[in-house]
Protein backbone atom coordinates (compact mmCIF):
# COMPACT_ATOMS: atom_id res chain seq x y z
CA UNK A 1 -48.88 43.89 -56.17
CA UNK A 2 -45.74 45.49 -54.93
CA UNK A 3 -44.47 48.50 -56.87
CA UNK A 4 -40.86 48.77 -58.09
CA UNK A 5 -38.56 50.75 -55.85
CA UNK A 6 -38.12 53.26 -58.69
CA UNK A 7 -41.73 54.43 -58.27
CA UNK A 8 -42.25 56.82 -55.29
CA UNK A 9 -45.64 56.30 -53.65
CA UNK A 10 -47.30 59.04 -51.54
CA UNK A 11 -50.59 58.94 -49.70
CA UNK A 12 -52.52 62.22 -50.15
CA UNK A 13 -55.40 63.62 -48.15
CA UNK A 14 -57.91 62.63 -50.81
CA UNK A 15 -55.96 60.18 -52.97
CA UNK A 16 -52.57 58.77 -53.91
CA UNK A 17 -49.61 59.94 -55.97
CA UNK A 18 -47.09 57.95 -58.02
CA UNK A 19 -43.84 59.65 -59.07
CA UNK A 20 -42.24 57.65 -61.87
CA UNK A 21 -38.43 57.83 -62.46
CA UNK A 22 -36.99 59.82 -65.40
CA UNK A 23 -37.23 57.95 -68.68
CA UNK A 24 -33.94 56.37 -69.74
CA UNK A 25 -33.45 56.75 -73.52
CA UNK A 26 -29.63 56.86 -73.46
CA UNK A 27 -27.98 58.29 -76.51
CA UNK A 28 -31.19 57.72 -78.54
CA UNK A 29 -32.58 60.89 -77.01
CA UNK A 30 -30.19 62.99 -79.09
CA UNK A 31 -32.25 61.97 -82.11
CA UNK A 32 -34.53 64.77 -80.91
CA UNK A 33 -32.02 67.23 -82.32
CA UNK A 34 -33.21 66.38 -85.83
CA UNK A 35 -36.86 67.52 -85.41
CA UNK A 36 -35.65 70.52 -83.34
CA UNK A 37 -33.41 71.63 -86.21
CA UNK A 38 -36.03 71.03 -88.79
CA UNK A 39 -38.68 72.82 -86.67
CA UNK A 40 -36.35 75.85 -86.29
CA UNK A 41 -35.74 75.92 -90.07
CA UNK A 42 -39.45 75.37 -90.86
CA UNK A 43 -40.79 77.82 -88.26
CA UNK A 44 -38.05 80.36 -88.90
CA UNK A 45 -38.92 80.51 -92.59
CA UNK A 46 -42.61 80.80 -91.73
CA UNK A 47 -41.79 83.75 -89.42
CA UNK A 48 -39.67 85.35 -92.14
CA UNK A 49 -42.36 84.86 -94.78
CA UNK A 50 -45.11 86.18 -92.49
CA UNK A 51 -43.13 89.37 -91.85
CA UNK A 52 -42.25 89.89 -95.47
CA UNK A 53 -45.72 89.08 -96.77
CA UNK A 54 -47.57 91.32 -94.34
CA UNK A 55 -45.26 94.27 -95.16
CA UNK A 56 -45.08 95.43 -91.53
CA UNK A 57 -41.48 96.50 -92.04
CA UNK A 58 -42.20 98.52 -95.24
CA UNK A 59 -44.24 101.43 -93.87
CA UNK A 60 -47.87 102.02 -93.01
CA UNK A 61 -49.80 98.73 -92.72
CA UNK A 62 -51.92 97.52 -95.57
CA UNK A 63 -55.01 95.50 -94.52
CA UNK A 64 -54.87 93.18 -97.53
CA UNK A 65 -51.20 92.35 -96.99
CA UNK A 66 -51.75 91.88 -93.25
CA UNK A 67 -54.56 89.33 -93.93
CA UNK A 68 -52.38 87.67 -96.56
CA UNK A 69 -49.58 87.36 -94.07
CA UNK A 70 -51.86 85.49 -91.66
CA UNK A 71 -51.40 82.45 -93.98
CA UNK A 72 -48.01 81.99 -92.32
CA UNK A 73 -49.39 81.55 -88.82
CA UNK A 74 -50.37 77.83 -89.25
CA UNK A 75 -46.85 77.07 -90.46
CA UNK A 76 -45.38 78.88 -87.44
CA UNK A 77 -47.55 76.71 -85.21
CA UNK A 78 -46.48 73.56 -87.06
CA UNK A 79 -42.82 74.58 -86.63
CA UNK A 80 -43.28 75.11 -82.95
CA UNK A 81 -45.02 71.75 -82.65
CA UNK A 82 -42.10 70.02 -84.36
CA UNK A 83 -39.66 71.74 -82.01
CA UNK A 84 -41.82 70.72 -79.00
CA UNK A 85 -41.83 67.09 -80.22
CA UNK A 86 -38.03 67.12 -80.53
CA UNK A 87 -37.69 68.55 -77.04
CA UNK A 88 -39.78 65.73 -75.66
CA UNK A 89 -37.36 63.23 -77.17
CA UNK A 90 -34.24 65.15 -76.10
CA UNK A 91 -35.54 65.71 -72.62
CA UNK A 92 -37.89 62.73 -72.12
CA UNK A 93 -38.73 63.76 -68.54
CA UNK A 94 -40.87 61.92 -66.09
CA UNK A 95 -44.51 61.19 -65.29
CA UNK A 96 -46.42 61.95 -62.13
CA UNK A 97 -49.84 60.28 -61.59
CA UNK A 98 -52.29 61.54 -58.99
CA UNK A 99 -55.42 59.44 -58.34
CA UNK A 100 -57.89 61.61 -56.46
CA UNK A 101 -61.59 61.23 -55.77
CA UNK A 102 -63.26 60.66 -59.12
CA UNK A 103 -60.36 62.13 -61.03
CA UNK A 104 -57.04 60.98 -62.52
CA UNK A 105 -54.35 63.59 -63.01
CA UNK A 106 -51.28 62.83 -65.16
CA UNK A 107 -48.47 65.38 -65.28
CA UNK A 108 -45.65 65.13 -67.82
CA UNK A 109 -42.55 67.13 -66.96
CA UNK A 110 -39.89 67.65 -69.57
CA UNK A 111 -37.28 70.33 -68.69
CA UNK A 112 -39.14 73.52 -68.13
CA UNK A 113 -42.29 72.24 -69.82
CA UNK A 114 -45.01 70.88 -67.54
CA UNK A 115 -48.35 69.66 -68.80
CA UNK A 116 -51.22 68.09 -66.90
CA UNK A 117 -54.17 66.08 -68.20
CA UNK A 118 -57.25 65.24 -66.23
CA UNK A 119 -59.78 62.45 -66.70
CA UNK A 120 -62.82 61.38 -64.74
CA UNK A 121 -62.65 57.85 -63.33
CA UNK A 122 -66.41 57.39 -63.19
CA UNK A 123 -66.70 55.10 -66.26
CA UNK A 124 -63.37 53.17 -66.21
CA UNK A 125 -63.90 49.79 -67.99
CA UNK A 126 -60.35 48.39 -68.24
CA UNK A 127 -56.68 49.11 -67.79
CA UNK A 128 -54.06 47.65 -70.14
CA UNK A 129 -50.37 47.96 -70.80
CA UNK A 130 -49.94 48.56 -74.52
CA UNK A 131 -47.23 46.94 -76.60
CA UNK A 132 -46.70 44.05 -74.20
CA UNK A 133 -47.16 40.84 -76.14
CA UNK A 134 -50.40 39.48 -74.68
CA UNK A 135 -53.09 37.03 -75.72
CA UNK A 136 -56.45 36.06 -74.40
CA UNK A 137 -59.41 33.90 -75.30
CA UNK A 138 -62.84 35.45 -74.88
CA UNK A 139 -66.28 35.25 -76.24
CA UNK A 140 -64.98 37.36 -79.17
CA UNK A 141 -62.38 34.77 -80.07
CA UNK A 142 -58.56 35.09 -79.98
CA UNK A 143 -57.36 38.67 -79.31
CA UNK A 144 -53.77 39.79 -79.55
CA UNK A 145 -52.00 43.08 -79.11
CA UNK A 146 -49.31 44.33 -81.42
CA UNK A 147 -45.73 44.31 -80.19
CA UNK A 148 -43.50 47.31 -80.93
CA UNK A 149 -40.76 46.80 -78.42
CA UNK A 150 -40.16 47.10 -74.69
CA UNK A 151 -41.30 50.69 -74.48
CA UNK A 152 -44.92 50.79 -73.43
CA UNK A 153 -47.74 52.90 -72.21
CA UNK A 154 -50.72 52.49 -69.82
CA UNK A 155 -54.06 52.88 -71.47
CA UNK A 156 -57.41 53.29 -69.70
CA UNK A 157 -60.56 52.45 -71.66
CA UNK A 158 -63.89 53.82 -70.62
CA UNK A 159 -67.38 52.45 -71.20
CA UNK A 160 -68.06 55.73 -72.99
CA UNK A 161 -65.60 58.09 -74.67
CA UNK A 162 -62.14 57.83 -76.05
CA UNK A 163 -59.40 55.80 -74.29
CA UNK A 164 -56.71 57.67 -72.34
CA UNK A 165 -53.11 56.74 -72.88
CA UNK A 166 -50.30 58.03 -70.55
CA UNK A 167 -46.88 57.18 -69.18
CA UNK A 168 -45.56 56.30 -72.65
CA UNK A 169 -41.98 55.33 -73.00
CA UNK A 170 -41.41 53.38 -69.82
CA UNK A 171 -40.42 49.75 -69.59
CA UNK A 172 -43.10 47.22 -68.91
CA UNK A 173 -41.34 46.20 -65.66
CA UNK A 174 -42.49 49.58 -64.28
CA UNK A 175 -45.84 49.89 -66.00
CA UNK A 176 -47.29 46.43 -65.35
CA UNK A 177 -47.18 46.60 -61.53
CA UNK A 178 -48.37 50.24 -61.72
CA UNK A 179 -51.36 49.17 -63.90
CA UNK A 180 -52.27 46.55 -61.24
CA UNK A 181 -52.08 49.15 -58.47
CA UNK A 182 -54.19 51.69 -60.41
CA UNK A 183 -56.78 48.91 -61.12
CA UNK A 184 -56.91 48.08 -57.38
CA UNK A 185 -57.38 51.78 -56.41
CA UNK A 186 -60.00 52.45 -59.11
CA UNK A 187 -61.88 49.32 -58.00
CA UNK A 188 -62.25 48.01 -61.56
CA UNK A 189 -65.38 45.72 -61.72
CA UNK A 190 -65.15 41.97 -61.49
CA UNK A 191 -63.05 40.44 -64.22
CA UNK A 192 -64.42 38.35 -67.06
CA UNK A 193 -61.04 37.89 -68.80
CA UNK A 194 -57.38 38.05 -67.80
CA UNK A 195 -54.58 38.82 -70.17
CA UNK A 196 -51.53 36.57 -70.08
CA UNK A 197 -48.08 37.96 -70.84
CA UNK A 198 -46.16 35.69 -73.22
CA UNK A 199 -42.56 34.63 -72.92
CA UNK A 200 -41.85 35.86 -69.40
CA UNK A 201 -42.80 35.81 -65.75
CA UNK A 202 -44.31 39.28 -65.62
CA UNK A 203 -47.68 39.48 -63.91
CA UNK A 204 -50.81 39.79 -65.97
CA UNK A 205 -52.75 43.03 -66.32
CA UNK A 206 -56.42 42.53 -65.47
CA UNK A 207 -59.00 43.48 -68.06
CA UNK A 208 -62.70 43.90 -67.70
CA UNK A 209 -64.50 42.91 -70.86
CA UNK A 210 -67.05 45.51 -71.82
CA UNK A 211 -70.34 44.16 -73.22
CA UNK A 212 -69.69 45.39 -76.78
CA UNK A 213 -67.81 44.34 -79.84
CA UNK A 214 -64.07 44.81 -79.72
CA UNK A 215 -63.24 47.85 -81.80
CA UNK A 216 -60.75 47.51 -84.63
CA UNK A 217 -59.43 50.98 -83.75
CA UNK A 218 -57.29 49.29 -81.08
CA UNK A 219 -54.02 47.43 -81.88
CA UNK A 220 -55.54 44.02 -81.56
CA UNK A 221 -56.38 41.11 -83.79
CA UNK A 222 -59.67 39.21 -83.84
CA UNK A 223 -60.02 35.71 -85.22
CA UNK A 224 -62.24 36.00 -88.29
CA UNK A 225 -62.85 32.91 -90.34
CA UNK A 226 -65.25 34.29 -92.93
CA UNK A 227 -64.41 36.70 -95.66
CA UNK A 228 -66.18 40.08 -95.07
CA UNK A 229 -69.23 40.45 -97.37
CA UNK A 230 -67.96 43.70 -98.89
CA UNK A 231 -64.50 42.27 -99.64
CA UNK A 232 -63.52 42.13 -103.29
CA UNK A 233 -60.42 39.97 -102.75
CA UNK A 234 -60.34 36.98 -105.05
CA UNK A 235 -58.96 33.72 -103.49
CA UNK A 236 -57.56 30.82 -105.40
CA UNK A 237 -57.19 27.75 -103.14
CA UNK A 238 -55.05 24.66 -103.76
CA UNK A 239 -53.94 21.83 -101.47
CA UNK A 240 -50.54 23.27 -101.00
CA UNK A 241 -50.96 27.01 -101.51
CA UNK A 242 -53.32 30.02 -101.28
CA UNK A 243 -53.33 32.95 -103.72
CA UNK A 244 -55.00 36.21 -102.74
CA UNK A 245 -55.61 38.79 -105.56
CA UNK A 246 -56.32 42.20 -104.13
CA UNK A 247 -57.92 44.87 -106.36
CA UNK A 248 -57.08 48.54 -106.10
CA UNK A 249 -58.65 50.62 -103.36
CA UNK A 250 -59.86 53.30 -105.72
CA UNK A 251 -59.56 57.08 -105.66
CA UNK A 252 -62.51 57.55 -103.26
CA UNK A 253 -61.19 55.20 -100.61
CA UNK A 254 -59.55 56.02 -97.31
CA UNK A 255 -56.61 57.29 -99.28
CA UNK A 256 -58.73 60.30 -100.37
CA UNK A 257 -57.59 62.03 -97.18
CA UNK A 258 -54.07 62.24 -98.66
CA UNK A 259 -55.48 63.89 -101.79
CA UNK A 260 -57.25 66.62 -99.71
CA UNK A 261 -54.13 67.14 -97.65
CA UNK A 262 -51.86 67.23 -100.70
CA UNK A 263 -54.08 69.79 -102.47
CA UNK A 264 -54.17 71.99 -99.31
CA UNK A 265 -50.33 71.69 -98.93
CA UNK A 266 -49.58 72.36 -102.60
CA UNK A 267 -52.03 75.21 -102.74
CA UNK A 268 -50.35 77.12 -99.95
CA UNK A 269 -46.78 76.17 -100.98
CA UNK A 270 -47.27 77.11 -104.65
CA UNK A 271 -48.99 80.40 -103.74
CA UNK A 272 -46.23 81.43 -101.35
CA UNK A 273 -43.38 80.22 -103.55
CA UNK A 274 -44.98 81.63 -106.67
CA UNK A 275 -45.15 85.09 -105.03
CA UNK A 276 -41.44 85.06 -104.25
CA UNK A 277 -40.72 83.70 -107.79
CA UNK A 278 -42.62 86.65 -109.35
CA UNK A 279 -40.62 89.08 -107.24
CA UNK A 280 -37.41 87.35 -108.28
CA UNK A 281 -38.16 87.34 -112.06
CA UNK A 282 -40.15 90.58 -112.52
CA UNK A 283 -38.29 92.81 -110.15
CA UNK A 284 -34.97 90.98 -110.18
CA UNK A 285 -34.83 90.93 -106.42
CA UNK A 286 -32.06 88.37 -105.95
CA UNK A 287 -32.75 88.21 -102.24
CA UNK A 288 -35.78 86.14 -103.15
CA UNK A 289 -33.71 83.21 -104.34
CA UNK A 290 -33.50 81.57 -100.90
CA UNK A 291 -37.32 81.76 -100.24
CA UNK A 292 -37.94 80.31 -103.72
CA UNK A 293 -35.54 77.40 -103.15
CA UNK A 294 -36.93 76.80 -99.69
CA UNK A 295 -40.50 76.96 -100.93
CA UNK A 296 -39.60 74.48 -103.67
CA UNK A 297 -38.79 71.91 -100.96
CA UNK A 298 -42.31 72.17 -99.66
CA UNK A 299 -43.70 71.77 -103.17
CA UNK A 300 -41.67 68.64 -103.60
CA UNK A 301 -43.02 67.34 -100.25
CA UNK A 302 -46.59 68.00 -101.49
CA UNK A 303 -45.90 66.19 -104.74
CA UNK A 304 -44.56 63.22 -102.74
CA UNK A 305 -47.77 63.14 -100.69
CA UNK A 306 -49.77 63.22 -103.93
CA UNK A 307 -47.72 60.45 -105.37
CA UNK A 308 -48.37 58.43 -102.22
CA UNK A 309 -52.09 58.93 -102.69
CA UNK A 310 -51.91 57.72 -106.30
CA UNK A 311 -49.91 54.72 -105.22
CA UNK A 312 -52.44 53.66 -102.55
CA UNK A 313 -55.41 54.30 -104.74
CA UNK A 314 -54.15 52.40 -107.78
CA UNK A 315 -52.09 49.57 -106.17
CA UNK A 316 -53.07 46.03 -106.91
CA UNK A 317 -51.43 43.10 -105.07
CA UNK A 318 -51.00 39.42 -105.23
CA UNK A 319 -50.21 37.45 -102.04
CA UNK A 320 -49.03 33.86 -102.56
CA UNK A 321 -48.91 31.68 -99.45
CA UNK A 322 -47.23 28.28 -99.85
CA UNK A 323 -45.44 25.70 -97.74
CA UNK A 324 -42.10 27.28 -98.65
CA UNK A 325 -43.08 30.83 -97.65
CA UNK A 326 -44.85 33.98 -98.66
CA UNK A 327 -44.42 35.96 -101.92
CA UNK A 328 -45.98 39.42 -102.14
CA UNK A 329 -46.18 41.58 -105.30
CA UNK A 330 -47.67 45.04 -105.42
CA UNK A 331 -47.94 47.26 -108.47
CA UNK A 332 -49.36 50.73 -108.98
CA UNK A 333 -49.10 53.68 -111.33
CA UNK A 334 -46.10 54.85 -109.34
CA UNK A 335 -43.99 51.76 -108.59
CA UNK A 336 -43.76 48.00 -108.37
CA UNK A 337 -42.40 46.02 -105.46
CA UNK A 338 -41.92 42.41 -104.67
CA UNK A 339 -40.48 40.47 -101.69
CA UNK A 340 -40.34 36.99 -100.25
CA UNK A 341 -40.21 35.43 -96.79
CA UNK A 342 -39.18 31.83 -96.05
CA UNK A 343 -41.61 29.70 -93.97
CA UNK A 344 -38.84 28.98 -91.46
CA UNK A 345 -38.55 32.66 -90.60
CA UNK A 346 -42.27 33.22 -90.01
CA UNK A 347 -43.28 33.00 -86.32
CA UNK A 348 -46.62 34.75 -86.39
CA UNK A 349 -49.15 36.74 -88.41
CA UNK A 350 -51.23 39.52 -86.90
CA UNK A 351 -52.83 42.93 -87.53
CA UNK A 352 -51.07 45.92 -85.98
CA UNK A 353 -50.73 49.67 -86.33
CA UNK A 354 -48.59 50.83 -89.27
CA UNK A 355 -47.31 53.90 -87.43
CA UNK A 356 -49.50 56.26 -89.46
CA UNK A 357 -52.57 58.02 -88.14
CA UNK A 358 -55.48 59.65 -90.03
CA UNK A 359 -57.82 61.87 -87.93
CA UNK A 360 -56.15 60.54 -84.80
CA UNK A 361 -56.97 56.94 -85.66
CA UNK A 362 -54.24 54.46 -86.39
CA UNK A 363 -53.93 52.99 -89.85
CA UNK A 364 -53.60 49.17 -89.49
CA UNK A 365 -51.65 46.75 -91.64
CA UNK A 366 -51.07 43.00 -91.98
CA UNK A 367 -47.86 42.18 -90.20
CA UNK A 368 -45.76 39.03 -90.85
CA UNK A 369 -43.70 38.46 -87.70
CA UNK A 370 -40.12 37.13 -88.20
CA UNK A 371 -38.46 36.98 -84.75
CA UNK A 372 -38.17 40.44 -83.18
CA UNK A 373 -39.09 42.25 -86.42
CA UNK A 374 -42.05 42.26 -88.73
CA UNK A 375 -42.89 42.92 -92.40
CA UNK A 376 -45.93 45.17 -92.86
CA UNK A 377 -48.14 45.09 -95.93
CA UNK A 378 -51.60 46.22 -97.15
CA UNK A 379 -51.71 49.22 -94.88
CA UNK A 380 -54.93 51.26 -95.16
CA UNK A 381 -57.16 48.42 -96.37
CA UNK A 382 -60.40 47.53 -94.58
CA UNK A 383 -59.68 46.27 -91.02
CA UNK A 384 -62.08 43.36 -91.34
CA UNK A 385 -60.24 42.23 -94.47
CA UNK A 386 -56.93 42.40 -92.66
CA UNK A 387 -58.24 40.32 -89.77
CA UNK A 388 -59.60 37.81 -92.21
CA UNK A 389 -56.33 37.54 -94.10
CA UNK A 390 -54.40 37.16 -90.85
CA UNK A 391 -56.68 34.34 -89.80
CA UNK A 392 -56.29 32.54 -93.15
CA UNK A 393 -52.52 32.78 -92.99
CA UNK A 394 -52.32 31.66 -89.36
CA UNK A 395 -54.59 28.76 -90.07
CA UNK A 396 -52.54 27.73 -93.17
CA UNK A 397 -49.25 27.79 -91.19
CA UNK A 398 -50.91 26.48 -87.96
CA UNK A 399 -49.63 29.39 -85.92
CA UNK A 400 -50.90 29.71 -82.32
CA UNK A 401 -54.11 27.93 -83.10
CA UNK A 402 -57.04 28.91 -80.86
CA UNK A 403 -60.69 27.88 -81.05
CA UNK A 404 -62.90 30.02 -83.28
CA UNK A 405 -65.63 32.08 -81.58
CA UNK A 406 -69.15 30.53 -81.61
CA UNK A 407 -71.35 31.59 -84.53
CA UNK A 408 -73.54 34.57 -83.83
């Protein structure tokens, strides 16, 4: 497949190189100034606190105070990471891909920052373009990828190990031909399935189906007709509607990660802010007012995280599916919410990433597609339950019907 003229191709002594054009974000890239400013404020306060807490400016060093001051180092690193993320948005840069013998090198250049990642090509199983709206029928049933816009990324999956994603932020018109070319150069094994791009004339990206179950860690949806055995969702069926009553997740569910994180966050924030507050009250050091106010912001953030944990753990929900549309009601110890969607506005139902990650794994949600946007709900619940709910809704509304996979 012919590459776009924007991609510069060069034959190397022991491989090939692809130079992609600079990413075109337009005025959107100036949104990177927000995390840069926050990172400077966050990291600057961390540096200030570390210096003050360690007492290195107050005379001979004290070992205890030096060790106490080390608590500020993680916050300095976080601040620098936020600044770095903002710089990547402000200066999106470009990607260079080198495919050498048994090795793939991807170099991201953003301003003065240059970073290279290397991966072995020995166990490549498939190459896909993420975020393109694609469907396929396989022995696993109907599989769909989530759609999040026209900014995409190439992802290489291996028969063993974690997938490798790169060249994020480019348009699919650039990445789809590039994915084909990479597949040809890598000599991906004979195909057992081919993905089809919906709603356009763009070429398909070949996929080799690995002999294993499709992981729910990927942004795809699997047709699942039967309710998972461990599911506690109650279903009330009628000729013209379905009612799903979802119990709370519980305090020891996946949401427990937020509790651990909130305790860690509040422990450090309260300790640091409390130290400055003691200095302000006991010694009347009015210069401590700013650190106390600034630390209070972090305490509020920790409380918000804790509230989010309580909300996820205690939330119960009722999902009513009828011929006129969908009504969703959710109530927890923190808040109650309710919304409705008309049937005429619903174009699809699928499972997709919510945008949140826990331990580098995406948290999936049920997504009701309405044109170019979607309404997300039930994020963080069991992936198998979400796939089952999506299948029931798609079947009820007869959306993109595909044959069910054969029984195991």
